[in-house]
PDB file of N, CA and C in Angstrom:
ATOM      1  N   MET A   1      66.368 -42.498 -89.329  1.00  0.00           N
ATOM      2  CA  MET A   1      66.797 -41.190 -89.755  1.00  0.00           C
ATOM      3  C   MET A   1      65.890 -40.624 -90.855  1.00  0.00           C
ATOM      4  N   ILE A   2      65.370 -41.499 -91.696  1.00  0.00           N
ATOM      5  CA  ILE A   2      64.533 -41.009 -92.789  1.00  0.00           C
ATOM      6  C   ILE A   2      63.215 -40.444 -92.255  1.00  0.00           C
ATOM      7  N   GLU A   3      62.761 -40.986 -91.099  1.00  0.00           N
ATOM      8  CA  GLU A   3      61.523 -40.472 -90.505  1.00  0.00           C
ATOM      9  C   GLU A   3      61.691 -39.025 -90.052  1.00  0.00           C
ATOM     10  N   LYS A   4      62.863 -38.716 -89.499  1.00  0.00           N
ATOM     11  CA  LYS A   4      63.129 -37.345 -89.047  1.00  0.00           C
ATOM     12  C   LYS A   4      63.112 -36.377 -90.224  1.00  0.00           C
ATOM     13  N   GLU A   5      63.720 -36.769 -91.304  1.00  0.00           N
ATOM     14  CA  GLU A   5      63.753 -35.905 -92.481  1.00  0.00           C
ATOM     15  C   GLU A   5      62.360 -35.735 -93.080  1.00  0.00           C
ATOM     16  N   LEU A   6      61.592 -36.794 -93.065  1.00  0.00           N
ATOM     17  CA  LEU A   6      60.234 -36.729 -93.583  1.00  0.00           C
ATOM     18  C   LEU A   6      59.386 -35.783 -92.741  1.00  0.00           C
ATOM     19  N   LEU A   7      59.493 -35.895 -91.415  1.00  0.00           N
ATOM     20  CA  LEU A   7      58.728 -35.025 -90.535  1.00  0.00           C
ATOM     21  C   LEU A   7      59.191 -33.568 -90.634  1.00  0.00           C
ATOM     22  N   ARG A   8      60.472 -33.342 -90.854  1.00  0.00           N
ATOM     23  CA  ARG A   8      60.967 -31.967 -91.004  1.00  0.00           C
ATOM     24  C   ARG A   8      60.462 -31.321 -92.283  1.00  0.00           C
ATOM     25  N   SER A   9      60.165 -32.131 -93.274  1.00  0.00           N
ATOM     26  CA  SER A   9      59.733 -31.576 -94.552  1.00  0.00           C
ATOM     27  C   SER A   9      58.251 -31.198 -94.554  1.00  0.00           C
ATOM     28  N   ILE A  10      57.484 -31.671 -93.567  1.00  0.00           N
ATOM     29  CA  ILE A  10      56.061 -31.363 -93.492  1.00  0.00           C
ATOM     30  C   ILE A  10      55.893 -30.022 -92.797  1.00  0.00           C
ATOM     31  N   GLU A  11      55.176 -29.109 -93.442  1.00  0.00           N
ATOM     32  CA  GLU A  11      54.961 -27.799 -92.837  1.00  0.00           C
ATOM     33  C   GLU A  11      53.946 -27.898 -91.708  1.00  0.00           C
ATOM     34  N   GLY A  12      54.215 -27.204 -90.614  1.00  0.00           N
ATOM     35  CA  GLY A  12      53.290 -27.144 -89.496  1.00  0.00           C
ATOM     36  C   GLY A  12      53.288 -28.348 -88.589  1.00  0.00           C
ATOM     37  N   VAL A  13      54.201 -29.294 -88.787  1.00  0.00           N
ATOM     38  CA  VAL A  13      54.214 -30.503 -87.963  1.00  0.00           C
ATOM     39  C   VAL A  13      54.681 -30.186 -86.540  1.00  0.00           C
ATOM     40  N   GLY A  14      55.332 -29.076 -86.339  1.00  0.00           N
ATOM     41  CA  GLY A  14      55.818 -28.706 -85.009  1.00  0.00           C
ATOM     42  C   GLY A  14      54.717 -28.326 -84.040  1.00  0.00           C
ATOM     43  N   ILE A  15      53.524 -28.088 -84.535  1.00  0.00           N
ATOM     44  CA  ILE A  15      52.410 -27.700 -83.676  1.00  0.00           C
ATOM     45  C   ILE A  15      51.807 -28.903 -82.958  1.00  0.00           C
ATOM     46  N   PHE A  16      51.966 -30.110 -83.483  1.00  0.00           N
ATOM     47  CA  PHE A  16      51.369 -31.298 -82.891  1.00  0.00           C
ATOM     48  C   PHE A  16      51.870 -31.596 -81.483  1.00  0.00           C
ATOM     49  N   PRO A  17      53.173 -31.507 -81.199  1.00  0.00           N
ATOM     50  CA  PRO A  17      53.604 -31.724 -79.808  1.00  0.00           C
ATOM     51  C   PRO A  17      53.014 -30.689 -78.850  1.00  0.00           C
ATOM     52  N   LEU A  18      52.887 -29.449 -79.292  1.00  0.00           N
ATOM     53  CA  LEU A  18      52.309 -28.410 -78.461  1.00  0.00           C
ATOM     54  C   LEU A  18      50.827 -28.678 -78.188  1.00  0.00           C
ATOM     55  N   ILE A  19      50.095 -29.088 -79.203  1.00  0.00           N
ATOM     56  CA  ILE A  19      48.680 -29.432 -79.025  1.00  0.00           C
ATOM     57  C   ILE A  19      48.540 -30.613 -78.068  1.00  0.00           C
ATOM     58  N   SER A  20      49.398 -31.608 -78.194  1.00  0.00           N
ATOM     59  CA  SER A  20      49.353 -32.779 -77.312  1.00  0.00           C
ATOM     60  C   SER A  20      49.618 -32.383 -75.869  1.00  0.00           C
ATOM     61  N   LEU A  21      50.594 -31.523 -75.660  1.00  0.00           N
ATOM     62  CA  LEU A  21      50.934 -31.080 -74.316  1.00  0.00           C
ATOM     63  C   LEU A  21      49.794 -30.282 -73.691  1.00  0.00           C
ATOM     64  N   ILE A  22      49.205 -29.385 -74.454  1.00  0.00           N
ATOM     65  CA  ILE A  22      48.089 -28.587 -73.961  1.00  0.00           C
ATOM     66  C   ILE A  22      46.892 -29.484 -73.655  1.00  0.00           C
ATOM     67  N   LEU A  23      46.607 -30.439 -74.515  1.00  0.00           N
ATOM     68  CA  LEU A  23      45.497 -31.362 -74.292  1.00  0.00           C
ATOM     69  C   LEU A  23      45.733 -32.204 -73.033  1.00  0.00           C
ATOM     70  N   PHE A  24      46.940 -32.700 -72.852  1.00  0.00           N
ATOM     71  CA  PHE A  24      47.265 -33.507 -71.681  1.00  0.00           C
ATOM     72  C   PHE A  24      47.070 -32.708 -70.399  1.00  0.00           C
ATOM     73  N   PHE A  25      47.623 -31.498 -70.332  1.00  0.00           N
ATOM     74  CA  PHE A  25      47.511 -30.703 -69.114  1.00  0.00           C
ATOM     75  C   PHE A  25      46.085 -30.234 -68.862  1.00  0.00           C
ATOM     76  N   THR A  26      45.314 -30.008 -69.908  1.00  0.00           N
ATOM     77  CA  THR A  26      43.913 -29.632 -69.734  1.00  0.00           C
ATOM     78  C   THR A  26      43.120 -30.778 -69.114  1.00  0.00           C
ATOM     79  N   VAL A  27      43.277 -31.974 -69.656  1.00  0.00           N
ATOM     80  CA  VAL A  27      42.579 -33.147 -69.115  1.00  0.00           C
ATOM     81  C   VAL A  27      43.059 -33.425 -67.686  1.00  0.00           C
ATOM     82  N   PHE A  28      44.359 -33.311 -67.449  1.00  0.00           N
ATOM     83  CA  PHE A  28      44.908 -33.534 -66.112  1.00  0.00           C
ATOM     84  C   PHE A  28      44.333 -32.535 -65.120  1.00  0.00           C
ATOM     85  N   ALA A  29      44.261 -31.264 -65.491  1.00  0.00           N
ATOM     86  CA  ALA A  29      43.726 -30.224 -64.608  1.00  0.00           C
ATOM     87  C   ALA A  29      42.243 -30.448 -64.327  1.00  0.00           C
ATOM     88  N   LEU A  30      41.478 -30.863 -65.341  1.00  0.00           N
ATOM     89  CA  LEU A  30      40.052 -31.137 -65.143  1.00  0.00           C
ATOM     90  C   LEU A  30      39.833 -32.318 -64.197  1.00  0.00           C
ATOM     91  N   ILE A  31      40.606 -33.367 -64.354  1.00  0.00           N
ATOM     92  CA  ILE A  31      40.483 -34.525 -63.471  1.00  0.00           C
ATOM     93  C   ILE A  31      40.901 -34.153 -62.047  1.00  0.00           C
ATOM     94  N   LEU A  32      41.946 -33.364 -61.917  1.00  0.00           N
ATOM     95  CA  LEU A  32      42.397 -32.918 -60.604  1.00  0.00           C
ATOM     96  C   LEU A  32      41.342 -32.043 -59.932  1.00  0.00           C
ATOM     97  N   ALA A  33      40.741 -31.134 -60.683  1.00  0.00           N
ATOM     98  CA  ALA A  33      39.696 -30.264 -60.140  1.00  0.00           C
ATOM     99  C   ALA A  33      38.484 -31.092 -59.721  1.00  0.00           C
ATOM    100  N   HIS A  34      38.111 -32.062 -60.526  1.00  0.00           N
ATOM    101  CA  HIS A  34      36.975 -32.930 -60.177  1.00  0.00           C
ATOM    102  C   HIS A  34      37.284 -33.738 -58.925  1.00  0.00           C
ATOM    103  N   THR A  35      38.499 -34.214 -58.811  1.00  0.00           N
ATOM    104  CA  THR A  35      38.892 -35.016 -57.655  1.00  0.00           C
ATOM    105  C   THR A  35      38.794 -34.210 -56.363  1.00  0.00           C
ATOM    106  N   PHE A  36      39.238 -32.967 -56.397  1.00  0.00           N
ATOM    107  CA  PHE A  36      39.210 -32.154 -55.181  1.00  0.00           C
ATOM    108  C   PHE A  36      37.844 -31.534 -54.909  1.00  0.00           C
ATOM    109  N   SER A  37      36.944 -31.543 -55.876  1.00  0.00           N
ATOM    110  CA  SER A  37      35.635 -30.941 -55.659  1.00  0.00           C
ATOM    111  C   SER A  37      34.556 -31.964 -55.328  1.00  0.00           C
ATOM    112  N   ILE A  38      34.898 -33.245 -55.335  1.00  0.00           N
ATOM    113  CA  ILE A  38      33.910 -34.277 -55.066  1.00  0.00           C
ATOM    114  C   ILE A  38      33.549 -34.256 -53.574  1.00  0.00           C
ATOM    115  N   LYS A  39      32.291 -34.496 -53.272  1.00  0.00           N
ATOM    116  CA  LYS A  39      31.819 -34.499 -51.888  1.00  0.00           C
ATOM    117  C   LYS A  39      32.274 -35.773 -51.191  1.00  0.00           C
ATOM    118  N   LYS A  40      32.443 -35.681 -49.894  1.00  0.00           N
ATOM    119  CA  LYS A  40      32.918 -36.810 -49.097  1.00  0.00           C
ATOM    120  C   LYS A  40      31.963 -37.999 -49.188  1.00  0.00           C
ATOM    121  N   GLU A  41      30.655 -37.723 -49.170  1.00  0.00           N
ATOM    122  CA  GLU A  41      29.682 -38.815 -49.228  1.00  0.00           C
ATOM    123  C   GLU A  41      29.767 -39.563 -50.556  1.00  0.00           C
ATOM    124  N   GLU A  42      29.928 -38.810 -51.640  1.00  0.00           N
ATOM    125  CA  GLU A  42      30.036 -39.441 -52.958  1.00  0.00           C
ATOM    126  C   GLU A  42      31.330 -40.236 -53.080  1.00  0.00           C
ATOM    127  N   ALA A  43      32.404 -39.708 -52.522  1.00  0.00           N
ATOM    128  CA  ALA A  43      33.682 -40.423 -52.557  1.00  0.00           C
ATOM    129  C   ALA A  43      33.594 -41.723 -51.767  1.00  0.00           C
ATOM    130  N   ASP A  44      32.917 -41.675 -50.623  1.00  0.00           N
ATOM    131  CA  ASP A  44      32.746 -42.897 -49.829  1.00  0.00           C
ATOM    132  C   ASP A  44      31.900 -43.926 -50.572  1.00  0.00           C
ATOM    133  N   LEU A  45      30.842 -43.453 -51.241  1.00  0.00           N
ATOM    134  CA  LEU A  45      29.989 -44.359 -52.003  1.00  0.00           C
ATOM    135  C   LEU A  45      30.772 -45.009 -53.148  1.00  0.00           C
ATOM    136  N   LEU A  46      31.523 -44.208 -53.880  1.00  0.00           N
ATOM    137  CA  LEU A  46      32.311 -44.753 -54.988  1.00  0.00           C
ATOM    138  C   LEU A  46      33.427 -45.665 -54.484  1.00  0.00           C
ATOM    139  N   GLY A  47      33.957 -45.349 -53.312  1.00  0.00           N
ATOM    140  CA  GLY A  47      35.014 -46.175 -52.740  1.00  0.00           C
ATOM    141  C   GLY A  47      34.533 -47.524 -52.266  1.00  0.00           C
ATOM    142  N   SER A  48      33.241 -47.621 -51.938  1.00  0.00           N
ATOM    143  CA  SER A  48      32.724 -48.891 -51.439  1.00  0.00           C
ATOM    144  C   SER A  48      32.200 -49.794 -52.553  1.00  0.00           C
ATOM    145  N   ILE A  49      32.131 -49.325 -53.763  1.00  0.00           N
ATOM    146  CA  ILE A  49      31.600 -50.129 -54.871  1.00  0.00           C
ATOM    147  C   ILE A  49      32.370 -51.435 -55.087  1.00  0.00           C
ATOM    148  N   PRO A  50      33.708 -51.436 -55.052  1.00  0.00           N
ATOM    149  CA  PRO A  50      34.401 -52.717 -55.289  1.00  0.00           C
ATOM    150  C   PRO A  50      34.104 -53.780 -54.243  1.00  0.00           C
ATOM    151  N   PHE A  51      33.661 -53.370 -53.052  1.00  0.00           N
ATOM    152  CA  PHE A  51      33.403 -54.327 -51.977  1.00  0.00           C
ATOM    153  C   PHE A  51      31.931 -54.666 -51.832  1.00  0.00           C
ATOM    154  N   ASP A  52      31.090 -54.120 -52.690  1.00  0.00           N
ATOM    155  CA  ASP A  52      29.656 -54.348 -52.605  1.00  0.00           C
ATOM    156  C   ASP A  52      29.323 -55.709 -53.208  1.00  0.00           C
ATOM    157  N   ASN A  53      28.761 -56.600 -52.403  1.00  0.00           N
ATOM    158  CA  ASN A  53      28.419 -57.943 -52.878  1.00  0.00           C
ATOM    159  C   ASN A  53      27.026 -58.012 -53.470  1.00  0.00           C
ATOM    160  N   ASN A  54      26.276 -56.939 -53.422  1.00  0.00           N
ATOM    161  CA  ASN A  54      24.905 -56.920 -53.950  1.00  0.00           C
ATOM    162  C   ASN A  54      24.855 -56.464 -55.392  1.00  0.00           C
ATOM    163  N   ASN A  55      25.934 -56.552 -56.089  1.00  0.00           N
ATOM    164  CA  ASN A  55      26.019 -56.090 -57.476  1.00  0.00           C
ATOM    165  C   ASN A  55      25.419 -57.154 -58.391  1.00  0.00           C
ATOM    166  N   GLU A  56      24.509 -56.741 -59.272  1.00  0.00           N
ATOM    167  CA  GLU A  56      23.866 -57.688 -60.195  1.00  0.00           C
ATOM    168  C   GLU A  56      24.812 -58.175 -61.275  1.00  0.00           C
ATOM    169  N   ASP A  57      25.887 -57.433 -61.520  1.00  0.00           N
ATOM    170  CA  ASP A  57      26.833 -57.807 -62.576  1.00  0.00           C
ATOM    171  C   ASP A  57      27.963 -58.699 -62.042  1.00  0.00           C
ATOM    172  N   ASN A  58      27.767 -59.271 -60.884  1.00  0.00           N
ATOM    173  CA  ASN A  58      28.780 -60.121 -60.299  1.00  0.00           C
ATOM    174  C   ASN A  58      28.823 -61.439 -61.047  1.00  0.00           C
ATOM    175  N   HIS A  59      29.940 -61.744 -61.679  1.00  0.00           N
ATOM    176  CA  HIS A  59      30.059 -62.929 -62.527  1.00  0.00           C
ATOM    177  C   HIS A  59      30.853 -64.043 -61.847  1.00  0.00           C
ATOM    178  N   GLU A  60      30.943 -64.008 -60.548  1.00  0.00           N
ATOM    179  CA  GLU A  60      31.734 -65.043 -59.870  1.00  0.00           C
ATOM    180  C   GLU A  60      30.908 -66.259 -59.582  1.00  0.00           C
TER     181      GLU A  60
END
Protein backbone atom coordinates (compact mmCIF):
# COMPACT_ATOMS: atom_id res chain seq x y z
CA MET A 1 0.00 0.00 0.00
CA ILE A 2 2.85 2.40 0.72
CA GLU A 3 4.12 1.95 -2.85
CA LYS A 4 0.80 3.18 -4.24
CA GLU A 5 0.90 6.28 -2.09
CA LEU A 6 4.50 6.94 -3.03
CA LEU A 7 3.73 6.66 -6.74
CA ARG A 8 0.66 8.91 -6.39
CA SER A 9 2.78 11.60 -4.80
CA ILE A 10 5.19 11.77 -7.77
CA GLU A 11 4.11 14.31 -10.36
CA GLY A 12 3.86 13.07 -13.93
CA VAL A 13 4.17 9.37 -13.06
CA GLY A 14 0.93 8.67 -14.93
CA ILE A 15 2.64 9.23 -18.27
CA PHE A 16 4.90 6.16 -17.92
CA PRO A 17 2.18 3.55 -18.58
CA LEU A 18 1.11 5.51 -21.66
CA ILE A 19 4.69 5.71 -22.96
CA SER A 20 5.12 1.97 -22.36
CA LEU A 21 1.92 1.16 -24.23
CA ILE A 22 2.85 3.37 -27.18
CA LEU A 23 6.36 1.90 -27.30
CA PHE A 24 5.01 -1.67 -27.19
CA PHE A 25 2.50 -1.12 -30.01
CA THR A 26 5.07 0.72 -32.12
CA VAL A 27 7.59 -2.13 -31.86
CA PHE A 28 4.80 -4.68 -32.43
CA ALA A 29 3.58 -2.84 -35.55
CA LEU A 30 7.13 -2.56 -36.94
CA ILE A 31 7.79 -6.27 -36.44
CA LEU A 32 4.43 -7.13 -37.99
CA ALA A 33 5.12 -4.89 -41.00
CA HIS A 34 8.57 -6.44 -41.44
CA THR A 35 7.11 -9.93 -41.21
CA PHE A 36 4.55 -9.29 -43.94
CA SER A 37 6.98 -7.43 -46.20
CA ILE A 38 9.73 -10.06 -46.23
CA LYS A 39 10.30 -11.80 -49.57
CA LYS A 40 9.49 -15.49 -49.90
CA GLU A 41 13.07 -16.38 -50.86
CA GLU A 42 14.49 -14.64 -47.79
CA ALA A 43 11.92 -16.29 -45.54
CA ASP A 44 12.83 -19.70 -46.95
CA LEU A 45 16.53 -19.01 -46.43
CA LEU A 46 16.00 -17.90 -42.83
CA GLY A 47 13.70 -20.85 -42.22
CA SER A 48 16.33 -23.33 -43.33
CA ILE A 49 19.10 -21.99 -41.08
CA PRO A 50 18.28 -24.22 -38.07
CA PHE A 51 18.60 -27.31 -40.28
CA ASP A 52 21.82 -26.28 -42.02
CA ASN A 53 24.63 -28.66 -41.05
CA ASN A 54 27.33 -26.60 -42.78
CA ASN A 55 27.37 -24.00 -40.02
CA GLU A 56 30.86 -23.18 -38.72
CA ASP A 57 29.46 -22.35 -35.28
CA ASN A 58 28.17 -25.87 -34.76
CA HIS A 59 29.35 -26.90 -31.29
CA GLU A 60 28.04 -30.45 -31.28
